[in-house]
Amino acid sequence: MHTKNTYNLECLLLSLENLHIKDPDEIKAILKLSDYGRLGNEVWKIIHNTKWSMVNNNGKYVIGALNKTRKQG
């Protein structure tokens, strides 16, 4: 069940907007890989711990990092 106690989709969408991730396909992939902003998902660590000035394509980076953690876990 998607509740405010277990998901923060609104904050995830705002974070993606702040990172200038606008490609609908990238957003869709990130939402799916992050379980739509489930709290405790790796997407939050990726968003907060990445030095974004070093990243060329934010959307592709987040997707790649989420796929990498998925394969490890």
PDB file of N, CA and C in Angstrom:
ATOM      1  N   MET A   1       0.836  -1.188   0.000  1.00  0.00           N
ATOM      2  CA  MET A   1       0.000   0.000   0.000  1.00  0.00           C
ATOM      3  C   MET A   1       0.879   1.250   0.000  1.00  0.00           C
ATOM      4  N   HIS A   2       0.556   2.176  -0.842  1.00  0.00           N
ATOM      5  CA  HIS A   2       1.326   3.412  -0.966  1.00  0.00           C
ATOM      6  C   HIS A   2       0.795   4.449   0.024  1.00  0.00           C
ATOM      7  N   THR A   3       1.513   4.617   1.128  1.00  0.00           N
ATOM      8  CA  THR A   3       1.134   5.626   2.122  1.00  0.00           C
ATOM      9  C   THR A   3       2.300   6.576   2.322  1.00  0.00           C
ATOM     10  N   LYS A   4       2.035   7.683   2.989  1.00  0.00           N
ATOM     11  CA  LYS A   4       3.094   8.654   3.275  1.00  0.00           C
ATOM     12  C   LYS A   4       4.156   8.065   4.200  1.00  0.00           C
ATOM     13  N   ASN A   5       3.794   7.008   4.937  1.00  0.00           N
ATOM     14  CA  ASN A   5       4.745   6.377   5.847  1.00  0.00           C
ATOM     15  C   ASN A   5       5.727   5.472   5.122  1.00  0.00           C
ATOM     16  N   THR A   6       5.376   5.028   3.914  1.00  0.00           N
ATOM     17  CA  THR A   6       6.236   4.089   3.197  1.00  0.00           C
ATOM     18  C   THR A   6       6.719   4.610   1.844  1.00  0.00           C
ATOM     19  N   TYR A   7       6.111   5.659   1.333  1.00  0.00           N
ATOM     20  CA  TYR A   7       6.467   6.195   0.017  1.00  0.00           C
ATOM     21  C   TYR A   7       6.518   7.715   0.058  1.00  0.00           C
ATOM     22  N   ASN A   8       7.377   8.281  -0.791  1.00  0.00           N
ATOM     23  CA  ASN A   8       7.413   9.731  -0.925  1.00  0.00           C
ATOM     24  C   ASN A   8       7.573  10.091  -2.396  1.00  0.00           C
ATOM     25  N   LEU A   9       6.552   9.749  -3.154  1.00  0.00           N
ATOM     26  CA  LEU A   9       6.556   9.997  -4.595  1.00  0.00           C
ATOM     27  C   LEU A   9       6.672  11.485  -4.899  1.00  0.00           C
ATOM     28  N   GLU A  10       5.959  12.300  -4.148  1.00  0.00           N
ATOM     29  CA  GLU A  10       5.978  13.742  -4.380  1.00  0.00           C
ATOM     30  C   GLU A  10       7.398  14.309  -4.262  1.00  0.00           C
ATOM     31  N   CYS A  11       8.112  13.894  -3.234  1.00  0.00           N
ATOM     32  CA  CYS A  11       9.482  14.371  -3.031  1.00  0.00           C
ATOM     33  C   CYS A  11      10.408  13.831  -4.118  1.00  0.00           C
ATOM     34  N   LEU A  12      10.191  12.591  -4.538  1.00  0.00           N
ATOM     35  CA  LEU A  12      11.011  12.019  -5.600  1.00  0.00           C
ATOM     36  C   LEU A  12      10.821  12.804  -6.892  1.00  0.00           C
ATOM     37  N   LEU A  13       9.587  13.095  -7.250  1.00  0.00           N
ATOM     38  CA  LEU A  13       9.322  13.864  -8.471  1.00  0.00           C
ATOM     39  C   LEU A  13       9.934  15.257  -8.384  1.00  0.00           C
ATOM     40  N   LEU A  14       9.869  15.875  -7.218  1.00  0.00           N
ATOM     41  CA  LEU A  14      10.475  17.190  -7.021  1.00  0.00           C
ATOM     42  C   LEU A  14      11.997  17.099  -7.150  1.00  0.00           C
ATOM     43  N   SER A  15      12.580  16.043  -6.596  1.00  0.00           N
ATOM     44  CA  SER A  15      14.029  15.850  -6.700  1.00  0.00           C
ATOM     45  C   SER A  15      14.452  15.671  -8.146  1.00  0.00           C
ATOM     46  N   LEU A  16      13.693  14.900  -8.909  1.00  0.00           N
ATOM     47  CA  LEU A  16      14.014  14.701 -10.325  1.00  0.00           C
ATOM     48  C   LEU A  16      13.915  16.020 -11.087  1.00  0.00           C
ATOM     49  N   GLU A  17      12.915  16.807 -10.745  1.00  0.00           N
ATOM     50  CA  GLU A  17      12.759  18.122 -11.375  1.00  0.00           C
ATOM     51  C   GLU A  17      13.949  19.017 -11.042  1.00  0.00           C
ATOM     52  N   ASN A  18      14.363  19.006  -9.784  1.00  0.00           N
ATOM     53  CA  ASN A  18      15.505  19.820  -9.353  1.00  0.00           C
ATOM     54  C   ASN A  18      16.803  19.389 -10.028  1.00  0.00           C
ATOM     55  N   LEU A  19      16.883  18.102 -10.390  1.00  0.00           N
ATOM     56  CA  LEU A  19      18.066  17.592 -11.082  1.00  0.00           C
ATOM     57  C   LEU A  19      17.954  17.772 -12.600  1.00  0.00           C
ATOM     58  N   HIS A  20      16.898  18.458 -13.041  1.00  0.00           N
ATOM     59  CA  HIS A  20      16.655  18.743 -14.464  1.00  0.00           C
ATOM     60  C   HIS A  20      16.500  17.461 -15.281  1.00  0.00           C
ATOM     61  N   ILE A  21      15.898  16.450 -14.668  1.00  0.00           N
ATOM     62  CA  ILE A  21      15.586  15.213 -15.377  1.00  0.00           C
ATOM     63  C   ILE A  21      14.181  15.400 -15.925  1.00  0.00           C
ATOM     64  N   LYS A  22      14.101  15.568 -17.253  1.00  0.00           N
ATOM     65  CA  LYS A  22      12.825  15.915 -17.875  1.00  0.00           C
ATOM     66  C   LYS A  22      12.333  14.865 -18.878  1.00  0.00           C
ATOM     67  N   ASP A  23      13.227  13.984 -19.316  1.00  0.00           N
ATOM     68  CA  ASP A  23      12.850  12.967 -20.302  1.00  0.00           C
ATOM     69  C   ASP A  23      11.812  12.022 -19.699  1.00  0.00           C
ATOM     70  N   PRO A  24      10.617  11.961 -20.285  1.00  0.00           N
ATOM     71  CA  PRO A  24       9.541  11.114 -19.729  1.00  0.00           C
ATOM     72  C   PRO A  24       9.937   9.645 -19.590  1.00  0.00           C
ATOM     73  N   ASP A  25      10.743   9.142 -20.536  1.00  0.00           N
ATOM     74  CA  ASP A  25      11.171   7.742 -20.448  1.00  0.00           C
ATOM     75  C   ASP A  25      12.122   7.527 -19.274  1.00  0.00           C
ATOM     76  N   GLU A  26      13.009   8.493 -19.036  1.00  0.00           N
ATOM     77  CA  GLU A  26      13.926   8.397 -17.901  1.00  0.00           C
ATOM     78  C   GLU A  26      13.152   8.486 -16.591  1.00  0.00           C
ATOM     79  N   ILE A  27      12.209   9.403 -16.510  1.00  0.00           N
ATOM     80  CA  ILE A  27      11.397   9.551 -15.293  1.00  0.00           C
ATOM     81  C   ILE A  27      10.631   8.262 -15.022  1.00  0.00           C
ATOM     82  N   LYS A  28      10.024   7.713 -16.051  1.00  0.00           N
ATOM     83  CA  LYS A  28       9.259   6.464 -15.910  1.00  0.00           C
ATOM     84  C   LYS A  28      10.153   5.333 -15.407  1.00  0.00           C
ATOM     85  N   ALA A  29      11.360   5.218 -15.972  1.00  0.00           N
ATOM     86  CA  ALA A  29      12.292   4.171 -15.553  1.00  0.00           C
ATOM     87  C   ALA A  29      12.724   4.360 -14.109  1.00  0.00           C
ATOM     88  N   ILE A  30      13.010   5.601 -13.724  1.00  0.00           N
ATOM     89  CA  ILE A  30      13.432   5.880 -12.342  1.00  0.00           C
ATOM     90  C   ILE A  30      12.297   5.564 -11.368  1.00  0.00           C
ATOM     91  N   LEU A  31      11.083   5.956 -11.716  1.00  0.00           N
ATOM     92  CA  LEU A  31       9.943   5.670 -10.846  1.00  0.00           C
ATOM     93  C   LEU A  31       9.785   4.171 -10.656  1.00  0.00           C
ATOM     94  N   LYS A  32       9.893   3.425 -11.735  1.00  0.00           N
ATOM     95  CA  LYS A  32       9.731   1.978 -11.646  1.00  0.00           C
ATOM     96  C   LYS A  32      10.858   1.349 -10.824  1.00  0.00           C
ATOM     97  N   LEU A  33      12.108   1.732 -11.106  1.00  0.00           N
ATOM     98  CA  LEU A  33      13.257   1.161 -10.405  1.00  0.00           C
ATOM     99  C   LEU A  33      13.286   1.542  -8.927  1.00  0.00           C
ATOM    100  N   SER A  34      12.713   2.705  -8.586  1.00  0.00           N
ATOM    101  CA  SER A  34      12.715   3.162  -7.189  1.00  0.00           C
ATOM    102  C   SER A  34      11.456   2.729  -6.452  1.00  0.00           C
ATOM    103  N   ASP A  35      10.648   1.899  -7.100  1.00  0.00           N
ATOM    104  CA  ASP A  35       9.367   1.468  -6.516  1.00  0.00           C
ATOM    105  C   ASP A  35       8.527   2.692  -6.155  1.00  0.00           C
ATOM    106  N   TYR A  36       8.558   3.661  -7.061  1.00  0.00           N
ATOM    107  CA  TYR A  36       7.754   4.887  -6.947  1.00  0.00           C
ATOM    108  C   TYR A  36       8.025   5.671  -5.662  1.00  0.00           C
ATOM    109  N   GLY A  37       9.312   5.752  -5.318  1.00  0.00           N
ATOM    110  CA  GLY A  37       9.705   6.569  -4.175  1.00  0.00           C
ATOM    111  C   GLY A  37       9.567   5.879  -2.836  1.00  0.00           C
ATOM    112  N   ARG A  38       9.635   4.539  -2.841  1.00  0.00           N
ATOM    113  CA  ARG A  38       9.529   3.808  -1.569  1.00  0.00           C
ATOM    114  C   ARG A  38      10.662   4.246  -0.647  1.00  0.00           C
ATOM    115  N   LEU A  39      10.307   4.570   0.576  1.00  0.00           N
ATOM    116  CA  LEU A  39      11.306   4.974   1.558  1.00  0.00           C
ATOM    117  C   LEU A  39      12.223   3.787   1.831  1.00  0.00           C
ATOM    118  N   GLY A  40      13.508   4.053   1.925  1.00  0.00           N
ATOM    119  CA  GLY A  40      14.487   2.993   2.111  1.00  0.00           C
ATOM    120  C   GLY A  40      15.064   2.492   0.800  1.00  0.00           C
ATOM    121  N   ASN A  41      14.477   2.897  -0.326  1.00  0.00           N
ATOM    122  CA  ASN A  41      15.004   2.508  -1.623  1.00  0.00           C
ATOM    123  C   ASN A  41      16.323   3.244  -1.862  1.00  0.00           C
ATOM    124  N   GLU A  42      17.206   2.608  -2.609  1.00  0.00           N
ATOM    125  CA  GLU A  42      18.526   3.184  -2.906  1.00  0.00           C
ATOM    126  C   GLU A  42      18.461   4.532  -3.611  1.00  0.00           C
ATOM    127  N   VAL A  43      17.345   4.851  -4.245  1.00  0.00           N
ATOM    128  CA  VAL A  43      17.248   6.109  -4.992  1.00  0.00           C
ATOM    129  C   VAL A  43      17.537   7.305  -4.092  1.00  0.00           C
ATOM    130  N   TRP A  44      17.144   7.229  -2.832  1.00  0.00           N
ATOM    131  CA  TRP A  44      17.363   8.359  -1.914  1.00  0.00           C
ATOM    132  C   TRP A  44      18.843   8.544  -1.630  1.00  0.00           C
ATOM    133  N   LYS A  45      19.594   7.457  -1.443  1.00  0.00           N
ATOM    134  CA  LYS A  45      21.042   7.550  -1.221  1.00  0.00           C
ATOM    135  C   LYS A  45      21.719   8.106  -2.468  1.00  0.00           C
ATOM    136  N   ILE A  46      21.277   7.635  -3.625  1.00  0.00           N
ATOM    137  CA  ILE A  46      21.862   8.099  -4.891  1.00  0.00           C
ATOM    138  C   ILE A  46      21.648   9.604  -5.044  1.00  0.00           C
ATOM    139  N   ILE A  47      20.427  10.061  -4.809  1.00  0.00           N
ATOM    140  CA  ILE A  47      20.110  11.482  -4.964  1.00  0.00           C
ATOM    141  C   ILE A  47      20.920  12.341  -3.995  1.00  0.00           C
ATOM    142  N   HIS A  48      21.040  11.895  -2.756  1.00  0.00           N
ATOM    143  CA  HIS A  48      21.673  12.734  -1.733  1.00  0.00           C
ATOM    144  C   HIS A  48      23.190  12.595  -1.672  1.00  0.00           C
ATOM    145  N   ASN A  49      23.752  11.491  -2.157  1.00  0.00           N
ATOM    146  CA  ASN A  49      25.189  11.261  -2.012  1.00  0.00           C
ATOM    147  C   ASN A  49      25.990  11.464  -3.293  1.00  0.00           C
ATOM    148  N   THR A  50      25.342  11.844  -4.372  1.00  0.00           N
ATOM    149  CA  THR A  50      26.032  12.017  -5.655  1.00  0.00           C
ATOM    150  C   THR A  50      26.527  13.447  -5.795  1.00  0.00           C
ATOM    151  N   LYS A  51      27.739  13.579  -6.277  1.00  0.00           N
ATOM    152  CA  LYS A  51      28.280  14.909  -6.584  1.00  0.00           C
ATOM    153  C   LYS A  51      27.815  15.247  -8.001  1.00  0.00           C
ATOM    154  N   TRP A  52      26.667  15.907  -8.103  1.00  0.00           N
ATOM    155  CA  TRP A  52      25.988  16.115  -9.383  1.00  0.00           C
ATOM    156  C   TRP A  52      26.776  16.945 -10.367  1.00  0.00           C
ATOM    157  N   SER A  53      27.682  17.782  -9.896  1.00  0.00           N
ATOM    158  CA  SER A  53      28.479  18.599 -10.822  1.00  0.00           C
ATOM    159  C   SER A  53      29.422  17.734 -11.654  1.00  0.00           C
ATOM    160  N   MET A  54      29.631  16.491 -11.231  1.00  0.00           N
ATOM    161  CA  MET A  54      30.519  15.570 -11.940  1.00  0.00           C
ATOM    162  C   MET A  54      29.759  14.674 -12.925  1.00  0.00           C
ATOM    163  N   VAL A  55      28.426  14.786 -12.963  1.00  0.00           N
ATOM    164  CA  VAL A  55      27.590  13.903 -13.776  1.00  0.00           C
ATOM    165  C   VAL A  55      27.160  14.621 -15.048  1.00  0.00           C
ATOM    166  N   ASN A  56      27.285  13.940 -16.181  1.00  0.00           N
ATOM    167  CA  ASN A  56      26.900  14.542 -17.467  1.00  0.00           C
ATOM    168  C   ASN A  56      25.410  14.408 -17.757  1.00  0.00           C
ATOM    169  N   ASN A  57      24.840  13.245 -17.506  1.00  0.00           N
ATOM    170  CA  ASN A  57      23.426  13.010 -17.787  1.00  0.00           C
ATOM    171  C   ASN A  57      22.774  12.453 -16.526  1.00  0.00           C
ATOM    172  N   ASN A  58      22.102  13.321 -15.788  1.00  0.00           N
ATOM    173  CA  ASN A  58      21.557  12.940 -14.485  1.00  0.00           C
ATOM    174  C   ASN A  58      20.581  11.771 -14.566  1.00  0.00           C
ATOM    175  N   GLY A  59      19.693  11.795 -15.549  1.00  0.00           N
ATOM    176  CA  GLY A  59      18.696  10.739 -15.679  1.00  0.00           C
ATOM    177  C   GLY A  59      19.329   9.383 -15.923  1.00  0.00           C
ATOM    178  N   LYS A  60      20.234   9.330 -16.895  1.00  0.00           N
ATOM    179  CA  LYS A  60      20.909   8.071 -17.206  1.00  0.00           C
ATOM    180  C   LYS A  60      21.756   7.605 -16.018  1.00  0.00           C
ATOM    181  N   TYR A  61      22.349   8.546 -15.297  1.00  0.00           N
ATOM    182  CA  TYR A  61      23.160   8.195 -14.133  1.00  0.00           C
ATOM    183  C   TYR A  61      22.304   7.516 -13.058  1.00  0.00           C
ATOM    184  N   VAL A  62      21.159   8.113 -12.734  1.00  0.00           N
ATOM    185  CA  VAL A  62      20.283   7.545 -11.701  1.00  0.00           C
ATOM    186  C   VAL A  62      19.803   6.157 -12.124  1.00  0.00           C
ATOM    187  N   ILE A  63      19.407   6.013 -13.378  1.00  0.00           N
ATOM    188  CA  ILE A  63      18.942   4.718 -13.881  1.00  0.00           C
ATOM    189  C   ILE A  63      20.061   3.683 -13.772  1.00  0.00           C
ATOM    190  N   GLY A  64      21.261   4.054 -14.197  1.00  0.00           N
ATOM    191  CA  GLY A  64      22.397   3.139 -14.122  1.00  0.00           C
ATOM    192  C   GLY A  64      22.726   2.738 -12.696  1.00  0.00           C
ATOM    193  N   ALA A  65      22.712   3.714 -11.796  1.00  0.00           N
ATOM    194  CA  ALA A  65      23.019   3.426 -10.388  1.00  0.00           C
ATOM    195  C   ALA A  65      21.951   2.526  -9.764  1.00  0.00           C
ATOM    196  N   LEU A  66      20.688   2.771 -10.086  1.00  0.00           N
ATOM    197  CA  LEU A  66      19.613   1.920  -9.569  1.00  0.00           C
ATOM    198  C   LEU A  66      19.711   0.500 -10.119  1.00  0.00           C
ATOM    199  N   ASN A  67      20.025   0.375 -11.401  1.00  0.00           N
ATOM    200  CA  ASN A  67      20.199  -0.950 -11.995  1.00  0.00           C
ATOM    201  C   ASN A  67      21.375  -1.688 -11.348  1.00  0.00           C
ATOM    202  N   LYS A  68      22.440  -0.961 -11.065  1.00  0.00           N
ATOM    203  CA  LYS A  68      23.619  -1.562 -10.442  1.00  0.00           C
ATOM    204  C   LYS A  68      23.286  -2.086  -9.046  1.00  0.00           C
ATOM    205  N   THR A  69      22.584  -1.295  -8.243  1.00  0.00           N
ATOM    206  CA  THR A  69      22.234  -1.744  -6.887  1.00  0.00           C
ATOM    207  C   THR A  69      21.247  -2.892  -6.932  1.00  0.00           C
ATOM    208  N   ARG A  70      20.410  -2.908  -7.949  1.00  0.00           N
ATOM    209  CA  ARG A  70      19.438  -3.986  -8.107  1.00  0.00           C
ATOM    210  C   ARG A  70      20.125  -5.321  -8.378  1.00  0.00           C
ATOM    211  N   LYS A  71      21.165  -5.273  -9.221  1.00  0.00           N
ATOM    212  CA  LYS A  71      21.912  -6.488  -9.557  1.00  0.00           C
ATOM    213  C   LYS A  71      22.718  -6.989  -8.366  1.00  0.00           C
ATOM    214  N   GLN A  72      23.203  -6.062  -7.528  1.00  0.00           N
ATOM    215  CA  GLN A  72      23.998  -6.439  -6.352  1.00  0.00           C
ATOM    216  C   GLN A  72      23.119  -7.035  -5.263  1.00  0.00           C
ATOM    217  N   GLY A  73      21.890  -6.538  -5.172  1.00  0.00           N
ATOM    218  CA  GLY A  73      20.992  -6.952  -4.087  1.00  0.00           C
ATOM    219  C   GLY A  73      20.199  -8.106  -4.489  1.00  0.00           C
TER     220      GLY A  73
END
